[in-house]
Amino acid sequence: MISNCPHCKTPLKLGDAQKAKLQKALDALAPGKKLTIKCPSCAKPIMLEAAVSSKAKGASAITPPGPPDLSWLKEKALQDNDRIEDVPMALVLYPENEQREIVRDALEQVGYQVVFADTVDNARERMRFVSFACVVQYSQFEGPKLENSPFHLYMRDMSMQRRRYLFYILIGPEFSTLYNLQALAYSANLVVNDKDLLHMSTALRKAIPLYEEIFGPFMEELTSAGKS
């Protein structure tokens, strides 16, 4: 059972009844699912998962996990504490069409200020002068194959001193929404299938707190050490 908030380190003062209720909720979680609670001190989300059974046995061959269950996405089954605050600017490389406006709306719903780039040169020029927190690219913005995209190569080869502060989102028909293993393979933080764009703001509310939970303490330590 967690005893301190991972964000502000404040002890979580839970009574016996609260602990029992929390443990019951954790025991009822489906495999791979997490329970989100809010820290009473800093109000940031804390994600909990059930302990792995000691009876679990390793498989003879390693099989990567499949895409996540998205049934909750269309129902927008998120808690009120899955909010994102103080998020600055987002750079979007997307063809000018109705889908681009859906992407804009989704980003603005979670607090981003959206800037569009019509060309790769324009995007790179903007990034020279603006500290974007988020970059969004449509996989076919520069042609049918993302692997041949100069901007994607630019993002992939960017120095980690800068890259770790950018939340990189890829959108396209080849992606499975919120499939973290696929995002990792493409050096991105989030992938979204374009058929799920109407639910993109919900996906962002799910993905960004998790990103901040994983990388936030590390980046805070870098900042404290003067290496940001």
Protein backbone atom coordinates (compact mmCIF):
# COMPACT_ATOMS: atom_id res chain seq x y z
CA MET A 1 0.00 0.00 0.00
CA ILE A 2 1.36 3.43 -0.92
CA SER A 3 2.26 5.60 2.06
CA ASN A 4 3.55 8.86 0.50
CA CYS A 5 2.51 10.99 -2.48
CA PRO A 6 5.07 10.41 -5.28
CA HIS A 7 4.77 14.09 -6.28
CA CYS A 8 4.98 16.14 -3.07
CA LYS A 9 6.18 13.28 -0.78
CA THR A 10 3.49 14.15 1.80
CA PRO A 11 2.41 11.12 3.91
CA LEU A 12 -1.03 9.83 2.96
CA LYS A 13 -2.95 9.61 6.22
CA LEU A 14 -5.44 6.86 5.48
CA GLY A 15 -7.68 5.37 8.12
CA ASP A 16 -8.29 1.65 8.40
CA ALA A 17 -11.64 1.96 6.64
CA GLN A 18 -10.09 3.96 3.81
CA LYS A 19 -7.25 1.45 3.43
CA ALA A 20 -9.71 -1.43 3.31
CA LYS A 21 -11.83 0.35 0.70
CA LEU A 22 -8.75 1.17 -1.38
CA GLN A 23 -7.43 -2.41 -1.17
CA LYS A 24 -10.83 -3.75 -2.22
CA ALA A 25 -10.80 -1.46 -5.27
CA LEU A 26 -7.26 -2.60 -6.16
CA ASP A 27 -8.18 -6.27 -5.81
CA ALA A 28 -11.08 -5.73 -8.21
CA LEU A 29 -8.87 -4.21 -10.93
CA ALA A 30 -8.58 -6.09 -14.20
CA PRO A 31 -5.03 -7.09 -15.26
CA GLY A 32 -3.11 -4.10 -16.59
CA LYS A 33 -5.60 -1.57 -15.21
CA LYS A 34 -4.73 1.19 -12.73
CA LEU A 35 -6.66 3.05 -10.05
CA THR A 36 -6.31 6.84 -9.86
CA ILE A 37 -6.66 8.78 -6.61
CA LYS A 38 -5.95 12.44 -5.84
CA CYS A 39 -3.35 13.56 -3.32
CA PRO A 40 -5.15 15.58 -0.61
CA SER A 41 -2.12 17.83 -0.28
CA CYS A 42 -0.99 18.74 -3.84
CA ALA A 43 -4.13 17.48 -5.69
CA LYS A 44 -2.03 15.69 -8.31
CA PRO A 45 -3.19 12.28 -9.57
CA ILE A 46 -1.65 9.16 -8.03
CA MET A 47 -1.93 5.99 -10.11
CA LEU A 48 -2.03 2.65 -8.27
CA GLU A 49 -2.01 -0.88 -9.58
CA ALA A 50 -2.64 -4.25 -7.97
CA ALA A 51 0.37 -6.29 -6.87
CA VAL A 52 1.49 -8.96 -9.32
CA SER A 53 0.71 -12.47 -8.14
CA SER A 54 3.71 -14.51 -7.04
CA LYS A 55 2.22 -17.50 -8.87
CA ALA A 56 2.67 -15.89 -12.24
CA LYS A 57 5.01 -17.90 -14.42
CA GLY A 58 7.18 -16.65 -17.23
CA ALA A 59 6.35 -17.72 -20.79
CA SER A 60 8.84 -19.61 -22.92
CA ALA A 61 8.85 -16.79 -25.48
CA ILE A 62 8.41 -13.07 -24.89
CA THR A 63 5.23 -11.76 -26.48
CA PRO A 64 4.66 -7.99 -26.58
CA PRO A 65 1.40 -6.76 -25.06
CA GLY A 66 -1.43 -6.00 -27.44
CA PRO A 67 -3.15 -2.65 -27.96
CA PRO A 68 -5.08 -1.37 -24.93
CA ASP A 69 -8.81 -1.78 -24.41
CA LEU A 70 -10.42 1.47 -25.58
CA SER A 71 -13.98 0.77 -24.46
CA TRP A 72 -13.62 3.45 -21.75
CA LEU A 73 -12.45 6.02 -24.30
CA LYS A 74 -15.79 6.42 -26.06
CA GLU A 75 -17.56 6.54 -22.71
CA LYS A 76 -15.07 9.15 -21.45
CA ALA A 77 -14.76 7.16 -18.22
CA LEU A 78 -12.23 9.42 -16.54
CA GLN A 79 -12.18 10.87 -13.07
CA ASP A 80 -12.30 14.60 -12.39
CA ASN A 81 -8.68 14.57 -11.20
CA ASP A 82 -7.41 13.62 -14.68
CA ARG A 83 -7.05 17.31 -15.53
CA ILE A 84 -4.05 19.01 -17.01
CA GLU A 85 -3.09 22.49 -15.88
CA ASP A 86 -0.48 25.03 -16.88
CA VAL A 87 0.30 23.42 -20.23
CA PRO A 88 1.91 25.82 -22.75
CA MET A 89 2.15 25.77 -26.55
CA ALA A 90 1.66 22.95 -29.05
CA LEU A 91 3.03 22.85 -32.60
CA VAL A 92 0.86 20.93 -35.08
CA LEU A 93 1.91 19.58 -38.48
CA TYR A 94 -1.36 18.46 -40.04
CA PRO A 95 -3.04 18.90 -43.45
CA GLU A 96 -5.60 21.69 -43.53
CA ASN A 97 -8.90 19.82 -43.24
CA GLU A 98 -11.71 19.08 -40.79
CA GLN A 99 -9.57 16.62 -38.86
CA ARG A 100 -7.03 19.34 -38.13
CA GLU A 101 -9.73 21.40 -36.45
CA ILE A 102 -10.68 18.39 -34.32
CA VAL A 103 -7.03 18.08 -33.27
CA ARG A 104 -6.95 21.79 -32.43
CA ASP A 105 -10.09 21.53 -30.31
CA ALA A 106 -8.73 18.49 -28.43
CA LEU A 107 -5.45 20.23 -27.63
CA GLU A 108 -7.18 23.42 -26.54
CA GLN A 109 -9.52 21.45 -24.28
CA VAL A 110 -6.54 20.33 -22.19
CA GLY A 111 -4.99 23.80 -22.12
CA TYR A 112 -2.55 23.97 -25.03
CA GLN A 113 -2.13 27.06 -27.18
CA VAL A 114 -2.07 25.69 -30.72
CA VAL A 115 0.23 26.84 -33.52
CA PHE A 116 0.06 25.30 -37.00
CA ALA A 117 3.04 24.76 -39.31
CA ASP A 118 2.27 24.32 -43.02
CA THR A 119 5.74 23.05 -43.95
CA VAL A 120 8.64 21.29 -42.27
CA ASP A 121 10.88 24.31 -42.75
CA ASN A 122 8.25 26.49 -41.10
CA ALA A 123 7.96 24.03 -38.20
CA ARG A 124 11.71 23.89 -37.59
CA GLU A 125 11.98 27.66 -37.81
CA ARG A 126 9.23 28.09 -35.20
CA MET A 127 10.96 25.61 -32.91
CA ARG A 128 14.11 27.72 -32.99
CA PHE A 129 12.36 30.59 -31.23
CA VAL A 130 9.52 29.00 -29.22
CA SER A 131 9.78 26.46 -26.40
CA PHE A 132 6.92 24.17 -27.34
CA ALA A 133 5.73 21.65 -24.78
CA CYS A 134 3.97 19.49 -27.36
CA VAL A 135 4.52 18.60 -31.02
CA VAL A 136 1.87 16.82 -33.11
CA GLN A 137 2.54 15.30 -36.52
CA TYR A 138 0.23 13.51 -38.92
CA SER A 139 2.10 10.45 -40.16
CA GLN A 140 1.43 11.25 -43.85
CA PHE A 141 2.11 14.99 -43.58
CA GLU A 142 5.21 14.61 -45.77
CA GLY A 143 4.30 11.51 -47.76
CA PRO A 144 2.94 7.99 -47.35
CA LYS A 145 5.80 6.70 -45.15
CA LEU A 146 6.55 8.23 -41.77
CA GLU A 147 9.99 6.60 -41.79
CA ASN A 148 10.98 8.91 -44.67
CA SER A 149 9.69 12.06 -43.00
CA PRO A 150 12.49 14.62 -42.45
CA PHE A 151 10.60 16.18 -39.55
CA HIS A 152 10.07 12.83 -37.83
CA LEU A 153 13.79 12.10 -38.24
CA TYR A 154 14.49 15.55 -36.81
CA MET A 155 12.38 14.75 -33.74
CA ARG A 156 13.80 11.25 -33.37
CA ASP A 157 17.43 12.44 -33.54
CA MET A 158 16.97 15.49 -31.31
CA SER A 159 19.30 15.67 -28.30
CA MET A 160 17.70 14.34 -25.12
CA GLN A 161 18.51 17.59 -23.32
CA ARG A 162 15.74 19.13 -25.42
CA ARG A 163 13.65 16.14 -26.45
CA ARG A 164 12.73 15.03 -22.93
CA TYR A 165 10.73 18.25 -22.46
CA LEU A 166 8.61 17.69 -25.60
CA PHE A 167 5.45 15.59 -25.60
CA TYR A 168 5.51 14.14 -29.14
CA ILE A 169 2.22 12.88 -30.60
CA LEU A 170 1.85 10.92 -33.84
CA ILE A 171 -1.54 10.58 -35.55
CA GLY A 172 -2.32 8.27 -38.44
CA PRO A 173 -4.25 5.25 -39.71
CA GLU A 174 -1.40 2.85 -38.88
CA PHE A 175 -1.48 3.53 -35.14
CA SER A 176 -3.43 1.94 -32.27
CA THR A 177 -4.58 4.70 -29.93
CA LEU A 178 -2.74 4.81 -26.58
CA TYR A 179 -0.58 1.80 -27.54
CA ASN A 180 2.53 2.74 -25.55
CA LEU A 181 4.71 0.03 -27.06
CA GLN A 182 3.99 1.36 -30.55
CA ALA A 183 4.69 4.92 -29.40
CA LEU A 184 8.03 3.79 -28.00
CA ALA A 185 8.92 2.10 -31.29
CA TYR A 186 8.34 5.41 -33.10
CA SER A 187 10.17 7.51 -30.47
CA ALA A 188 6.88 9.23 -29.59
CA ASN A 189 5.02 9.78 -26.32
CA LEU A 190 1.53 9.10 -27.67
CA VAL A 191 0.04 7.56 -30.82
CA VAL A 192 -3.55 8.13 -31.96
CA ASN A 193 -5.46 6.47 -34.77
CA ASP A 194 -7.22 9.11 -36.85
CA LYS A 195 -10.54 7.28 -36.45
CA ASP A 196 -10.32 8.10 -32.70
CA LEU A 197 -9.77 11.84 -33.10
CA LEU A 198 -13.17 12.69 -31.64
CA HIS A 199 -11.89 11.15 -28.40
CA MET A 200 -8.41 12.66 -28.56
CA SER A 201 -8.92 15.07 -25.65
CA THR A 202 -9.86 12.11 -23.46
CA ALA A 203 -6.76 10.23 -24.61
CA LEU A 204 -4.63 13.27 -23.74
CA ARG A 205 -6.13 13.42 -20.24
CA LYS A 206 -5.11 9.80 -19.84
CA ALA A 207 -1.62 10.00 -21.35
CA ILE A 208 -0.23 13.30 -20.06
CA PRO A 209 -0.62 12.65 -16.29
CA LEU A 210 1.08 9.27 -16.80
CA TYR A 211 3.93 10.97 -18.69
CA GLU A 212 4.30 13.54 -15.91
CA GLU A 213 4.23 10.82 -13.24
CA ILE A 214 7.04 8.91 -14.94
CA PHE A 215 9.30 11.74 -16.10
CA GLY A 216 8.30 14.63 -13.82
CA PRO A 217 10.54 13.73 -10.83
CA PHE A 218 13.50 13.05 -13.15
CA MET A 219 13.16 16.43 -14.87
CA GLU A 220 12.76 18.17 -11.51
CA GLU A 221 16.05 16.65 -10.38
CA LEU A 222 17.74 17.82 -13.59
CA THR A 223 16.39 21.31 -13.01
CA SER A 224 17.61 21.30 -9.41
CA ALA A 225 21.04 20.19 -10.63
CA GLY A 226 21.10 22.98 -13.21
CA LYS A 227 21.01 20.56 -16.16
CA SER A 228 17.65 21.50 -17.63
